[in-house]
Amino acid sequence: MKVRVLVSLKAGILDPQGKAVEQGLHGFDFKVEHLRIGRLIEMDIPTYNPDEARAQAQAMCDKLLVNPVMEKATIEVL
């Protein structure tokens, strides 16, 4: 099954990369506010069971993909 994991910073965590991009966009006269940068991880998990795919993706997040102090993950099974 194809799985997407969106990793983003938790609320209240400073995002200097997001702030730099926001300021750069302002320099091009784009109107944006509160821009934050995250990561998108896409993978194929060899199962036909969506619950198993989600559980495996969650285990991967817990062990390696996400820093639980600063980040949160949203898992989408396609």
PDB file of N, CA and C in Angstrom:
ATOM      1  N   MET A   1       0.840  -1.175   0.000  1.00  0.00           N
ATOM      2  CA  MET A   1       0.000   0.000   0.000  1.00  0.00           C
ATOM      3  C   MET A   1       0.884   1.235   0.000  1.00  0.00           C
ATOM      4  N   LYS A   2       0.428   2.235  -0.696  1.00  0.00           N
ATOM      5  CA  LYS A   2       1.146   3.508  -0.706  1.00  0.00           C
ATOM      6  C   LYS A   2       0.732   4.298   0.533  1.00  0.00           C
ATOM      7  N   VAL A   3       1.732   4.847   1.222  1.00  0.00           N
ATOM      8  CA  VAL A   3       1.504   5.605   2.443  1.00  0.00           C
ATOM      9  C   VAL A   3       2.233   6.933   2.328  1.00  0.00           C
ATOM     10  N   ARG A   4       1.565   7.993   2.776  1.00  0.00           N
ATOM     11  CA  ARG A   4       2.185   9.320   2.865  1.00  0.00           C
ATOM     12  C   ARG A   4       2.233   9.731   4.319  1.00  0.00           C
ATOM     13  N   VAL A   5       3.372  10.261   4.713  1.00  0.00           N
ATOM     14  CA  VAL A   5       3.537  10.788   6.059  1.00  0.00           C
ATOM     15  C   VAL A   5       3.939  12.247   5.922  1.00  0.00           C
ATOM     16  N   LEU A   6       3.124  13.135   6.468  1.00  0.00           N
ATOM     17  CA  LEU A   6       3.440  14.554   6.488  1.00  0.00           C
ATOM     18  C   LEU A   6       3.984  14.881   7.870  1.00  0.00           C
ATOM     19  N   VAL A   7       5.224  15.328   7.915  1.00  0.00           N
ATOM     20  CA  VAL A   7       5.866  15.684   9.171  1.00  0.00           C
ATOM     21  C   VAL A   7       5.932  17.199   9.243  1.00  0.00           C
ATOM     22  N   SER A   8       5.388  17.741  10.332  1.00  0.00           N
ATOM     23  CA  SER A   8       5.393  19.196  10.504  1.00  0.00           C
ATOM     24  C   SER A   8       5.787  19.527  11.934  1.00  0.00           C
ATOM     25  N   LEU A   9       6.218  20.764  12.115  1.00  0.00           N
ATOM     26  CA  LEU A   9       6.591  21.217  13.450  1.00  0.00           C
ATOM     27  C   LEU A   9       5.343  21.419  14.297  1.00  0.00           C
ATOM     28  N   LYS A  10       5.458  21.113  15.576  1.00  0.00           N
ATOM     29  CA  LYS A  10       4.354  21.359  16.494  1.00  0.00           C
ATOM     30  C   LYS A  10       4.148  22.863  16.648  1.00  0.00           C
ATOM     31  N   ALA A  11       2.938  23.230  17.035  1.00  0.00           N
ATOM     32  CA  ALA A  11       2.635  24.636  17.297  1.00  0.00           C
ATOM     33  C   ALA A  11       3.575  25.152  18.395  1.00  0.00           C
ATOM     34  N   GLY A  12       4.036  26.356  18.231  1.00  0.00           N
ATOM     35  CA  GLY A  12       4.914  26.962  19.224  1.00  0.00           C
ATOM     36  C   GLY A  12       6.399  26.722  18.979  1.00  0.00           C
ATOM     37  N   ILE A  13       6.741  25.833  18.064  1.00  0.00           N
ATOM     38  CA  ILE A  13       8.143  25.571  17.722  1.00  0.00           C
ATOM     39  C   ILE A  13       8.540  26.554  16.621  1.00  0.00           C
ATOM     40  N   LEU A  14       9.618  27.284  16.839  1.00  0.00           N
ATOM     41  CA  LEU A  14      10.077  28.240  15.839  1.00  0.00           C
ATOM     42  C   LEU A  14      10.520  27.522  14.569  1.00  0.00           C
ATOM     43  N   ASP A  15      10.247  28.151  13.434  1.00  0.00           N
ATOM     44  CA  ASP A  15      10.585  27.578  12.131  1.00  0.00           C
ATOM     45  C   ASP A  15      11.408  28.607  11.347  1.00  0.00           C
ATOM     46  N   PRO A  16      12.725  28.671  11.579  1.00  0.00           N
ATOM     47  CA  PRO A  16      13.536  29.675  10.895  1.00  0.00           C
ATOM     48  C   PRO A  16      13.547  29.513   9.380  1.00  0.00           C
ATOM     49  N   GLN A  17      13.477  28.277   8.891  1.00  0.00           N
ATOM     50  CA  GLN A  17      13.439  28.061   7.440  1.00  0.00           C
ATOM     51  C   GLN A  17      12.133  28.611   6.871  1.00  0.00           C
ATOM     52  N   GLY A  18      11.037  28.361   7.538  1.00  0.00           N
ATOM     53  CA  GLY A  18       9.754  28.891   7.102  1.00  0.00           C
ATOM     54  C   GLY A  18       9.741  30.407   7.113  1.00  0.00           C
ATOM     55  N   LYS A  19      10.325  31.007   8.147  1.00  0.00           N
ATOM     56  CA  LYS A  19      10.384  32.462   8.242  1.00  0.00           C
ATOM     57  C   LYS A  19      11.216  33.046   7.101  1.00  0.00           C
ATOM     58  N   ALA A  20      12.330  32.402   6.772  1.00  0.00           N
ATOM     59  CA  ALA A  20      13.180  32.890   5.679  1.00  0.00           C
ATOM     60  C   ALA A  20      12.444  32.816   4.340  1.00  0.00           C
ATOM     61  N   VAL A  21      11.723  31.723   4.102  1.00  0.00           N
ATOM     62  CA  VAL A  21      10.963  31.588   2.856  1.00  0.00           C
ATOM     63  C   VAL A  21       9.842  32.626   2.807  1.00  0.00           C
ATOM     64  N   GLU A  22       9.168  32.821   3.924  1.00  0.00           N
ATOM     65  CA  GLU A  22       8.098  33.826   3.988  1.00  0.00           C
ATOM     66  C   GLU A  22       8.636  35.213   3.643  1.00  0.00           C
ATOM     67  N   GLN A  23       9.771  35.568   4.216  1.00  0.00           N
ATOM     68  CA  GLN A  23      10.365  36.878   3.930  1.00  0.00           C
ATOM     69  C   GLN A  23      10.794  36.980   2.468  1.00  0.00           C
ATOM     70  N   GLY A  24      11.312  35.889   1.909  1.00  0.00           N
ATOM     71  CA  GLY A  24      11.685  35.889   0.496  1.00  0.00           C
ATOM     72  C   GLY A  24      10.475  36.102  -0.402  1.00  0.00           C
ATOM     73  N   LEU A  25       9.362  35.470  -0.061  1.00  0.00           N
ATOM     74  CA  LEU A  25       8.138  35.654  -0.842  1.00  0.00           C
ATOM     75  C   LEU A  25       7.617  37.082  -0.726  1.00  0.00           C
ATOM     76  N   HIS A  26       7.746  37.665   0.462  1.00  0.00           N
ATOM     77  CA  HIS A  26       7.358  39.076   0.613  1.00  0.00           C
ATOM     78  C   HIS A  26       8.188  39.954  -0.313  1.00  0.00           C
ATOM     79  N   GLY A  27       9.460  39.604  -0.498  1.00  0.00           N
ATOM     80  CA  GLY A  27      10.334  40.353  -1.403  1.00  0.00           C
ATOM     81  C   GLY A  27       9.862  40.307  -2.849  1.00  0.00           C
ATOM     82  N   PHE A  28       9.088  39.270  -3.194  1.00  0.00           N
ATOM     83  CA  PHE A  28       8.501  39.157  -4.534  1.00  0.00           C
ATOM     84  C   PHE A  28       7.054  39.655  -4.559  1.00  0.00           C
ATOM     85  N   ASP A  29       6.657  40.357  -3.514  1.00  0.00           N
ATOM     86  CA  ASP A  29       5.310  40.935  -3.378  1.00  0.00           C
ATOM     87  C   ASP A  29       4.197  39.897  -3.255  1.00  0.00           C
ATOM     88  N   PHE A  30       4.528  38.697  -2.759  1.00  0.00           N
ATOM     89  CA  PHE A  30       3.483  37.723  -2.447  1.00  0.00           C
ATOM     90  C   PHE A  30       3.001  37.976  -1.022  1.00  0.00           C
ATOM     91  N   LYS A  31       1.716  37.893  -0.833  1.00  0.00           N
ATOM     92  CA  LYS A  31       1.122  38.100   0.486  1.00  0.00           C
ATOM     93  C   LYS A  31       0.914  36.737   1.154  1.00  0.00           C
ATOM     94  N   VAL A  32       1.775  36.388   2.075  1.00  0.00           N
ATOM     95  CA  VAL A  32       1.641  35.139   2.835  1.00  0.00           C
ATOM     96  C   VAL A  32       1.894  35.434   4.303  1.00  0.00           C
ATOM     97  N   GLU A  33       1.299  34.628   5.148  1.00  0.00           N
ATOM     98  CA  GLU A  33       1.503  34.755   6.590  1.00  0.00           C
ATOM     99  C   GLU A  33       1.674  33.376   7.209  1.00  0.00           C
ATOM    100  N   HIS A  34       2.446  33.309   8.258  1.00  0.00           N
ATOM    101  CA  HIS A  34       2.598  32.093   9.066  1.00  0.00           C
ATOM    102  C   HIS A  34       3.056  30.892   8.242  1.00  0.00           C
ATOM    103  N   LEU A  35       3.973  31.093   7.315  1.00  0.00           N
ATOM    104  CA  LEU A  35       4.488  30.014   6.477  1.00  0.00           C
ATOM    105  C   LEU A  35       5.347  29.076   7.319  1.00  0.00           C
ATOM    106  N   ARG A  36       5.127  27.779   7.162  1.00  0.00           N
ATOM    107  CA  ARG A  36       5.914  26.771   7.871  1.00  0.00           C
ATOM    108  C   ARG A  36       6.345  25.717   6.869  1.00  0.00           C
ATOM    109  N   ILE A  37       7.511  25.171   7.092  1.00  0.00           N
ATOM    110  CA  ILE A  37       8.084  24.157   6.211  1.00  0.00           C
ATOM    111  C   ILE A  37       7.956  22.791   6.888  1.00  0.00           C
ATOM    112  N   GLY A  38       7.581  21.781   6.118  1.00  0.00           N
ATOM    113  CA  GLY A  38       7.488  20.418   6.629  1.00  0.00           C
ATOM    114  C   GLY A  38       8.150  19.457   5.654  1.00  0.00           C
ATOM    115  N   ARG A  39       7.955  18.167   5.909  1.00  0.00           N
ATOM    116  CA  ARG A  39       8.496  17.126   5.033  1.00  0.00           C
ATOM    117  C   ARG A  39       7.364  16.198   4.622  1.00  0.00           C
ATOM    118  N   LEU A  40       7.435  15.740   3.404  1.00  0.00           N
ATOM    119  CA  LEU A  40       6.503  14.725   2.916  1.00  0.00           C
ATOM    120  C   LEU A  40       7.306  13.472   2.627  1.00  0.00           C
ATOM    121  N   ILE A  41       6.908  12.376   3.248  1.00  0.00           N
ATOM    122  CA  ILE A  41       7.564  11.087   3.043  1.00  0.00           C
ATOM    123  C   ILE A  41       6.549  10.159   2.388  1.00  0.00           C
ATOM    124  N   GLU A  42       6.893   9.614   1.228  1.00  0.00           N
ATOM    125  CA  GLU A  42       6.021   8.660   0.540  1.00  0.00           C
ATOM    126  C   GLU A  42       6.732   7.321   0.491  1.00  0.00           C
ATOM    127  N   MET A  43       5.958   6.254   0.703  1.00  0.00           N
ATOM    128  CA  MET A  43       6.560   4.918   0.691  1.00  0.00           C
ATOM    129  C   MET A  43       5.518   3.887   0.306  1.00  0.00           C
ATOM    130  N   ASP A  44       5.991   2.748  -0.129  1.00  0.00           N
ATOM    131  CA  ASP A  44       5.143   1.581  -0.377  1.00  0.00           C
ATOM    132  C   ASP A  44       5.418   0.579   0.734  1.00  0.00           C
ATOM    133  N   ILE A  45       4.358   0.141   1.391  1.00  0.00           N
ATOM    134  CA  ILE A  45       4.472  -0.875   2.431  1.00  0.00           C
ATOM    135  C   ILE A  45       3.807  -2.139   1.892  1.00  0.00           C
ATOM    136  N   PRO A  46       4.532  -3.251   1.852  1.00  0.00           N
ATOM    137  CA  PRO A  46       4.020  -4.465   1.201  1.00  0.00           C
ATOM    138  C   PRO A  46       2.937  -5.171   2.022  1.00  0.00           C
ATOM    139  N   THR A  47       1.727  -4.609   1.980  1.00  0.00           N
ATOM    140  CA  THR A  47       0.561  -5.229   2.604  1.00  0.00           C
ATOM    141  C   THR A  47      -0.685  -4.735   1.876  1.00  0.00           C
ATOM    142  N   TYR A  48      -1.747  -5.498   1.958  1.00  0.00           N
ATOM    143  CA  TYR A  48      -3.021  -5.074   1.391  1.00  0.00           C
ATOM    144  C   TYR A  48      -3.986  -4.610   2.480  1.00  0.00           C
ATOM    145  N   ASN A  49      -3.526  -4.630   3.725  1.00  0.00           N
ATOM    146  CA  ASN A  49      -4.360  -4.258   4.866  1.00  0.00           C
ATOM    147  C   ASN A  49      -4.056  -2.810   5.262  1.00  0.00           C
ATOM    148  N   PRO A  50      -5.002  -1.889   5.094  1.00  0.00           N
ATOM    149  CA  PRO A  50      -4.747  -0.480   5.419  1.00  0.00           C
ATOM    150  C   PRO A  50      -4.402  -0.258   6.888  1.00  0.00           C
ATOM    151  N   ASP A  51      -5.031  -1.012   7.788  1.00  0.00           N
ATOM    152  CA  ASP A  51      -4.728  -0.844   9.215  1.00  0.00           C
ATOM    153  C   ASP A  51      -3.299  -1.266   9.525  1.00  0.00           C
ATOM    154  N   GLU A  52      -2.847  -2.336   8.895  1.00  0.00           N
ATOM    155  CA  GLU A  52      -1.461  -2.791   9.091  1.00  0.00           C
ATOM    156  C   GLU A  52      -0.480  -1.777   8.512  1.00  0.00           C
ATOM    157  N   ALA A  53      -0.796  -1.230   7.347  1.00  0.00           N
ATOM    158  CA  ALA A  53       0.078  -0.223   6.732  1.00  0.00           C
ATOM    159  C   ALA A  53       0.195   1.000   7.637  1.00  0.00           C
ATOM    160  N   ARG A  54      -0.941   1.444   8.183  1.00  0.00           N
ATOM    161  CA  ARG A  54      -0.929   2.609   9.089  1.00  0.00           C
ATOM    162  C   ARG A  54      -0.118   2.310  10.349  1.00  0.00           C
ATOM    163  N   ALA A  55      -0.305   1.122  10.900  1.00  0.00           N
ATOM    164  CA  ALA A  55       0.425   0.737  12.117  1.00  0.00           C
ATOM    165  C   ALA A  55       1.924   0.688  11.858  1.00  0.00           C
ATOM    166  N   GLN A  56       2.322   0.135  10.715  1.00  0.00           N
ATOM    167  CA  GLN A  56       3.752   0.087  10.392  1.00  0.00           C
ATOM    168  C   GLN A  56       4.315   1.492  10.187  1.00  0.00           C
ATOM    169  N   ALA A  57       3.567   2.348   9.499  1.00  0.00           N
ATOM    170  CA  ALA A  57       4.024   3.723   9.283  1.00  0.00           C
ATOM    171  C   ALA A  57       4.142   4.455  10.622  1.00  0.00           C
ATOM    172  N   GLN A  58       3.186   4.226  11.523  1.00  0.00           N
ATOM    173  CA  GLN A  58       3.252   4.865  12.837  1.00  0.00           C
ATOM    174  C   GLN A  58       4.483   4.385  13.609  1.00  0.00           C
ATOM    175  N   ALA A  59       4.775   3.092  13.526  1.00  0.00           N
ATOM    176  CA  ALA A  59       5.961   2.554  14.192  1.00  0.00           C
ATOM    177  C   ALA A  59       7.236   3.175  13.623  1.00  0.00           C
ATOM    178  N   MET A  60       7.272   3.366  12.300  1.00  0.00           N
ATOM    179  CA  MET A  60       8.435   4.015  11.677  1.00  0.00           C
ATOM    180  C   MET A  60       8.586   5.446  12.169  1.00  0.00           C
ATOM    181  N   CYS A  61       7.471   6.140  12.296  1.00  0.00           N
ATOM    182  CA  CYS A  61       7.508   7.518  12.801  1.00  0.00           C
ATOM    183  C   CYS A  61       8.021   7.545  14.234  1.00  0.00           C
ATOM    184  N   ASP A  62       7.513   6.624  15.052  1.00  0.00           N
ATOM    185  CA  ASP A  62       7.904   6.579  16.458  1.00  0.00           C
ATOM    186  C   ASP A  62       9.387   6.264  16.635  1.00  0.00           C
ATOM    187  N   LYS A  63       9.938   5.429  15.757  1.00  0.00           N
ATOM    188  CA  LYS A  63      11.315   4.980  15.927  1.00  0.00           C
ATOM    189  C   LYS A  63      12.350   5.833  15.203  1.00  0.00           C
ATOM    190  N   LEU A  64      11.972   6.480  14.080  1.00  0.00           N
ATOM    191  CA  LEU A  64      12.999   7.138  13.279  1.00  0.00           C
ATOM    192  C   LEU A  64      12.558   8.422  12.579  1.00  0.00           C
ATOM    193  N   LEU A  65      11.388   8.433  11.998  1.00  0.00           N
ATOM    194  CA  LEU A  65      11.036   9.502  11.066  1.00  0.00           C
ATOM    195  C   LEU A  65      10.666  10.831  11.722  1.00  0.00           C
ATOM    196  N   VAL A  66      10.225  10.803  12.974  1.00  0.00           N
ATOM    197  CA  VAL A  66       9.711  12.006  13.621  1.00  0.00           C
ATOM    198  C   VAL A  66      10.417  12.230  14.958  1.00  0.00           C
ATOM    199  N   ASN A  67      10.766  13.484  15.216  1.00  0.00           N
ATOM    200  CA  ASN A  67      11.268  13.875  16.536  1.00  0.00           C
ATOM    201  C   ASN A  67      10.049  14.291  17.359  1.00  0.00           C
ATOM    202  N   PRO A  68       9.587  13.454  18.290  1.00  0.00           N
ATOM    203  CA  PRO A  68       8.331  13.729  18.981  1.00  0.00           C
ATOM    204  C   PRO A  68       8.369  14.966  19.879  1.00  0.00           C
ATOM    205  N   VAL A  69       9.536  15.464  20.189  1.00  0.00           N
ATOM    206  CA  VAL A  69       9.640  16.677  21.004  1.00  0.00           C
ATOM    207  C   VAL A  69       9.209  17.895  20.197  1.00  0.00           C
ATOM    208  N   MET A  70       9.561  17.926  18.906  1.00  0.00           N
ATOM    209  CA  MET A  70       9.332  19.104  18.077  1.00  0.00           C
ATOM    210  C   MET A  70       8.341  18.896  16.945  1.00  0.00           C
ATOM    211  N   GLU A  71       8.110  17.648  16.543  1.00  0.00           N
ATOM    212  CA  GLU A  71       7.364  17.396  15.318  1.00  0.00           C
ATOM    213  C   GLU A  71       6.138  16.522  15.576  1.00  0.00           C
ATOM    214  N   LYS A  72       5.208  16.580  14.625  1.00  0.00           N
ATOM    215  CA  LYS A  72       4.052  15.698  14.629  1.00  0.00           C
ATOM    216  C   LYS A  72       3.923  15.104  13.233  1.00  0.00           C
ATOM    217  N   ALA A  73       3.263  13.959  13.150  1.00  0.00           N
ATOM    218  CA  ALA A  73       3.096  13.283  11.857  1.00  0.00           C
ATOM    219  C   ALA A  73       1.615  13.062  11.574  1.00  0.00           C
ATOM    220  N   THR A  74       1.271  13.219  10.306  1.00  0.00           N
ATOM    221  CA  THR A  74      -0.050  12.871   9.809  1.00  0.00           C
ATOM    222  C   THR A  74       0.146  11.764   8.787  1.00  0.00           C
ATOM    223  N   ILE A  75      -0.497  10.631   9.010  1.00  0.00           N
ATOM    224  CA  ILE A  75      -0.327   9.456   8.154  1.00  0.00           C
ATOM    225  C   ILE A  75      -1.561   9.293   7.276  1.00  0.00           C
ATOM    226  N   GLU A  76      -1.325   9.106   5.985  1.00  0.00           N
ATOM    227  CA  GLU A  76      -2.404   8.900   5.031  1.00  0.00           C
ATOM    228  C   GLU A  76      -2.123   7.606   4.259  1.00  0.00           C
ATOM    229  N   VAL A  77      -3.038   6.658   4.338  1.00  0.00           N
ATOM    230  CA  VAL A  77      -2.931   5.405   3.578  1.00  0.00           C
ATOM    231  C   VAL A  77      -3.769   5.588   2.321  1.00  0.00           C
ATOM    232  N   LEU A  78      -3.134   5.416   1.162  1.00  0.00           N
ATOM    233  CA  LEU A  78      -3.823   5.663  -0.109  1.00  0.00           C
ATOM    234  C   LEU A  78      -4.390   4.390  -0.688  1.00  0.00           C
TER     235      LEU A  78
END
